[in-house]
Amino acid sequence: MRLLIISVCLALGWGVAVAEPITLSGAIGSRPVFFEMNRNGDTVSGWYFYLRAGKQIRLDGKLDHRGFFDIQEYDAASNSRTGSLAGRVKDGHWAGQWKSANGQAPRPLSLDPLKDNLKTADGHYHCTARRRDEGFGTAMSHSLDLTLAKGRVTGLSLSRSVRSNGEAPQRCALAGRDLKQISAHVGLALRARREGGHCTLTILGAGDYLVLHPGEAGEDCRAGLCTKDAFWTPLVLNRKTGRCVSVE
């Protein structure tokens, strides 16, 4: 039935919208950043965060056929506009300016697609990231124990817990025994079997940082891995300092 619908759409010239994923890293001014967006035609949407802080910022804007982009950014919690990014993509490189909504001095923007396949990645990292949201009375904790040997994940334990207003914590957990490393075009990828399907954990390299991201497009990495109301967020590891920060 799905193939029939697609065939009819093509025959009538309607086309079928296919989201093009865009994953970038670079800097705004001197601050390293990580972007994940989807492109549909001239429209782009997604989010980014500063790698040192981990605060998620929503994106919505345009990228035309000549490579010019004009993207607005919004606070993920309040949905208020916080700034804009404008410039041009040429030979895969994004160059332009970031402007604040409150009149701060503009900062240069420089981004490139992720290319690091982490084939030579080595090291053992153990860290815990903690955050509090005083407005909601929520305490969040994200823990990682990761061992890499020449691009192979030889040890991994990843967990996240959230406690609200003194209630019992909600928790997600992944362990190395649950995972199998699979091929990836960029970074590293591990597949976990879970109730009702699979969950993919990606580990992406962005300069001095690793971004651990449970769940690819269309995947729900909660069933079999999380308690009822728990959910995953990305975790950022600074390979130089060994410190980590959760993305909220």
Protein backbone atom coordinates (compact mmCIF):
# COMPACT_ATOMS: atom_id res chain seq x y z
CA MET A 1 0.00 0.00 0.00
CA ARG A 2 2.82 2.41 0.92
CA LEU A 3 4.60 1.70 -2.38
CA LEU A 4 1.34 2.28 -4.26
CA ILE A 5 0.85 5.68 -2.62
CA ILE A 6 4.45 6.70 -3.42
CA SER A 7 4.02 5.58 -7.05
CA VAL A 8 0.80 7.59 -7.42
CA CYS A 9 2.45 10.69 -5.94
CA LEU A 10 5.37 10.42 -8.34
CA ALA A 11 3.08 9.83 -11.30
CA LEU A 12 1.09 12.96 -10.45
CA GLY A 13 4.28 14.98 -9.97
CA TRP A 14 3.70 15.59 -6.29
CA GLY A 15 7.05 14.15 -5.17
CA VAL A 16 7.76 12.62 -1.81
CA ALA A 17 9.36 14.75 0.90
CA VAL A 18 12.48 13.12 2.29
CA ALA A 19 14.24 14.67 5.28
CA GLU A 20 17.96 15.19 4.77
CA PRO A 21 19.87 14.94 8.07
CA ILE A 22 22.56 17.55 8.70
CA THR A 23 25.10 17.04 11.50
CA LEU A 24 27.74 19.73 12.01
CA SER A 25 30.36 20.85 14.48
CA GLY A 26 32.44 24.00 14.70
CA ALA A 27 32.33 27.26 16.61
CA ILE A 28 30.31 30.39 17.23
CA GLY A 29 32.97 32.93 18.08
CA SER A 30 35.45 30.91 20.16
CA ARG A 31 32.85 28.58 21.65
CA PRO A 32 32.59 25.02 20.21
CA VAL A 33 29.11 23.94 19.10
CA PHE A 34 27.28 20.86 17.77
CA PHE A 35 24.32 21.00 15.34
CA GLU A 36 21.71 18.40 14.36
CA MET A 37 19.11 19.48 11.79
CA ASN A 38 16.83 18.08 9.10
CA ARG A 39 16.30 19.69 5.71
CA ASN A 40 13.04 19.42 3.74
CA GLY A 41 13.29 21.45 0.55
CA ASP A 42 14.38 24.93 1.61
CA THR A 43 13.30 24.44 5.23
CA VAL A 44 15.67 23.41 8.01
CA SER A 45 14.82 22.64 11.62
CA GLY A 46 16.50 20.99 14.58
CA TRP A 47 18.69 22.06 17.46
CA TYR A 48 22.20 22.88 18.59
CA PHE A 49 24.12 23.30 21.81
CA TYR A 50 27.36 24.74 23.08
CA LEU A 51 29.55 21.74 23.85
CA ARG A 52 30.83 23.16 27.14
CA ALA A 53 27.36 23.93 28.49
CA GLY A 54 24.97 21.38 26.95
CA LYS A 55 21.94 23.69 26.84
CA GLN A 56 19.68 22.74 23.93
CA ILE A 57 18.65 25.55 21.56
CA ARG A 58 15.91 25.03 18.95
CA LEU A 59 16.42 26.01 15.30
CA ASP A 60 13.97 26.82 12.51
CA GLY A 61 14.74 28.56 9.23
CA LYS A 62 15.68 28.45 5.55
CA LEU A 63 18.52 27.09 3.41
CA ASP A 64 18.01 27.89 -0.28
CA HIS A 65 19.35 26.18 -3.41
CA ARG A 66 22.27 28.67 -3.63
CA GLY A 67 23.43 27.75 -0.14
CA PHE A 68 22.28 30.88 1.66
CA PHE A 69 20.84 30.21 5.12
CA ASP A 70 18.78 32.30 7.53
CA ILE A 71 17.93 30.39 10.69
CA GLN A 72 16.22 31.58 13.85
CA GLU A 73 17.08 30.15 17.27
CA TYR A 74 14.75 29.73 20.24
CA ASP A 75 15.10 28.86 23.91
CA ALA A 76 13.96 25.23 24.11
CA ALA A 77 12.06 25.77 27.38
CA SER A 78 10.33 29.14 26.85
CA ASN A 79 10.24 29.06 23.02
CA SER A 80 11.33 32.72 23.00
CA ARG A 81 13.61 33.80 20.14
CA THR A 82 17.19 34.22 21.32
CA GLY A 83 19.04 34.97 18.10
CA SER A 84 19.67 34.17 14.45
CA LEU A 85 22.29 32.61 12.20
CA ALA A 86 22.86 33.76 8.64
CA GLY A 87 25.45 33.09 5.95
CA ARG A 88 26.23 30.68 3.15
CA VAL A 89 27.20 27.04 2.66
CA LYS A 90 30.00 26.54 0.14
CA ASP A 91 31.70 23.20 -0.54
CA GLY A 92 30.07 21.85 2.61
CA HIS A 93 31.44 24.61 4.85
CA TRP A 94 28.96 26.84 6.69
CA ALA A 95 30.23 30.39 7.22
CA GLY A 96 28.35 33.40 8.50
CA GLN A 97 27.32 35.27 11.64
CA TRP A 98 25.40 34.63 14.81
CA LYS A 99 23.36 37.59 16.08
CA SER A 100 21.73 37.84 19.48
CA ALA A 101 18.12 38.93 19.84
CA ASN A 102 19.11 41.33 22.63
CA GLY A 103 21.70 43.34 20.70
CA GLN A 104 24.96 41.66 21.69
CA ALA A 105 27.86 42.04 19.28
CA PRO A 106 27.64 39.55 16.36
CA ARG A 107 29.95 36.53 16.42
CA PRO A 108 31.46 34.64 13.47
CA LEU A 109 29.97 31.24 12.68
CA SER A 110 32.03 28.40 11.21
CA LEU A 111 30.66 24.85 10.82
CA ASP A 112 31.60 21.68 8.94
CA PRO A 113 30.00 18.24 8.51
CA LEU A 114 31.25 15.59 10.92
CA LYS A 115 33.96 13.44 9.34
CA ASP A 116 35.85 11.85 12.25
CA ASN A 117 35.40 8.07 12.08
CA LEU A 118 37.15 7.66 15.46
CA LYS A 119 39.17 4.72 14.11
CA THR A 120 42.17 5.64 16.28
CA ALA A 121 40.19 6.61 19.37
CA ASP A 122 41.68 5.29 22.63
CA GLY A 123 41.06 5.97 26.28
CA HIS A 124 39.12 5.20 29.42
CA TYR A 125 36.63 7.78 30.65
CA HIS A 126 34.49 7.84 33.77
CA CYS A 127 32.31 10.85 34.56
CA THR A 128 29.02 11.99 36.06
CA ALA A 129 27.06 15.09 35.01
CA ARG A 130 24.49 16.61 37.37
CA ARG A 131 21.92 19.34 36.81
CA ARG A 132 19.07 20.89 38.75
CA ASP A 133 15.99 22.62 37.39
CA GLU A 134 14.82 24.73 40.31
CA GLY A 135 11.65 25.81 38.48
CA PHE A 136 10.38 22.23 38.23
CA GLY A 137 12.13 20.86 41.31
CA THR A 138 13.96 18.32 39.16
CA ALA A 139 17.40 16.79 39.72
CA MET A 140 19.11 15.04 36.78
CA SER A 141 22.15 12.78 36.80
CA HIS A 142 23.95 11.28 33.80
CA SER A 143 26.82 8.78 34.26
CA LEU A 144 29.27 7.25 31.81
CA ASP A 145 32.02 4.63 31.96
CA LEU A 146 33.56 4.23 28.48
CA THR A 147 36.65 2.40 27.23
CA LEU A 148 37.88 2.80 23.64
CA ALA A 149 40.70 0.85 21.99
CA LYS A 150 41.63 1.81 18.41
CA GLY A 151 38.08 2.68 17.49
CA ARG A 152 36.48 -0.27 19.27
CA VAL A 153 34.19 0.12 22.25
CA THR A 154 35.55 -2.43 24.70
CA GLY A 155 33.63 -1.26 27.74
CA LEU A 156 30.52 0.85 28.25
CA SER A 157 28.02 1.71 30.94
CA LEU A 158 25.63 4.62 30.37
CA SER A 159 22.81 5.68 32.66
CA ARG A 160 20.52 8.64 33.26
CA SER A 161 18.20 9.31 36.18
CA VAL A 162 15.69 12.07 36.91
CA ARG A 163 14.14 12.76 40.30
CA SER A 164 11.24 15.22 40.68
CA ASN A 165 9.96 16.71 43.94
CA GLY A 166 11.21 13.89 46.14
CA GLU A 167 9.62 11.12 44.06
CA ALA A 168 11.40 7.87 43.23
CA PRO A 169 13.92 8.44 40.41
CA GLN A 170 13.09 7.44 36.86
CA ARG A 171 16.06 5.73 35.19
CA CYS A 172 17.49 4.61 31.84
CA ALA A 173 20.50 2.31 31.56
CA LEU A 174 22.66 0.71 28.86
CA ALA A 175 25.49 -1.74 29.49
CA GLY A 176 28.18 -3.15 27.24
CA ARG A 177 26.69 -6.63 27.42
CA ASP A 178 23.52 -5.26 25.78
CA LEU A 179 25.37 -3.81 22.79
CA LYS A 180 27.00 -4.89 19.56
CA GLN A 181 29.21 -2.50 17.58
CA ILE A 182 28.05 -2.03 13.98
CA SER A 183 29.47 -0.20 10.96
CA ALA A 184 29.01 3.58 10.78
CA HIS A 185 29.75 6.20 8.12
CA VAL A 186 31.01 8.59 10.77
CA GLY A 187 31.82 8.09 14.44
CA LEU A 188 30.91 4.83 16.16
CA ALA A 189 27.59 3.02 16.41
CA LEU A 190 26.35 0.28 18.72
CA ARG A 191 23.10 -1.62 18.50
CA ALA A 192 21.17 -2.81 21.53
CA ARG A 193 18.44 -5.39 21.39
CA ARG A 194 15.41 -4.36 23.38
CA GLU A 195 11.79 -5.26 23.83
CA GLY A 196 10.03 -4.76 20.49
CA GLY A 197 13.04 -3.76 18.39
CA HIS A 198 16.44 -2.12 18.52
CA CYS A 199 18.11 0.96 19.92
CA THR A 200 21.24 2.50 18.34
CA LEU A 201 23.80 4.41 20.38
CA THR A 202 25.98 6.72 18.28
CA ILE A 203 29.28 8.18 19.48
CA LEU A 204 30.32 11.18 17.38
CA GLY A 205 33.62 13.03 17.42
CA ALA A 206 33.59 16.85 17.45
CA GLY A 207 37.13 18.06 18.05
CA ASP A 208 38.06 17.50 21.70
CA TYR A 209 34.54 16.22 22.42
CA LEU A 210 32.53 13.03 22.05
CA VAL A 211 28.74 13.26 21.75
CA LEU A 212 26.88 10.12 22.86
CA HIS A 213 23.39 10.01 21.39
CA PRO A 214 20.94 7.16 22.15
CA GLY A 215 18.46 6.72 19.32
CA GLU A 216 18.54 7.32 15.58
CA ALA A 217 15.68 8.86 13.60
CA GLY A 218 12.44 7.01 14.33
CA GLU A 219 13.88 4.99 17.21
CA ASP A 220 12.50 5.01 20.74
CA CYS A 221 15.28 3.94 23.07
CA ARG A 222 13.09 3.75 26.17
CA ALA A 223 11.31 0.38 25.98
CA GLY A 224 13.30 -2.26 27.78
CA LEU A 225 15.95 0.28 28.77
CA CYS A 226 14.05 2.87 30.82
CA THR A 227 11.46 2.96 33.56
CA LYS A 228 7.98 4.24 32.69
CA ASP A 229 8.52 8.02 32.60
CA ALA A 230 12.27 8.14 31.92
CA PHE A 231 13.89 9.24 28.68
CA TRP A 232 17.36 9.70 27.20
CA THR A 233 19.19 12.89 26.31
CA PRO A 234 22.62 13.24 24.64
CA LEU A 235 25.75 13.31 26.78
CA VAL A 236 28.90 15.28 25.89
CA LEU A 237 32.36 14.12 27.00
CA ASN A 238 35.45 16.35 26.90
CA ARG A 239 38.25 13.96 26.00
CA LYS A 240 40.95 16.30 27.30
CA THR A 241 39.51 16.98 30.74
CA GLY A 242 37.45 13.80 31.18
CA ARG A 243 34.46 15.90 32.25
CA CYS A 244 30.96 15.38 30.86
CA VAL A 245 27.79 17.43 30.57
CA SER A 246 24.25 16.30 29.78
CA VAL A 247 22.22 18.04 27.10
CA GLU A 248 18.94 19.34 28.53
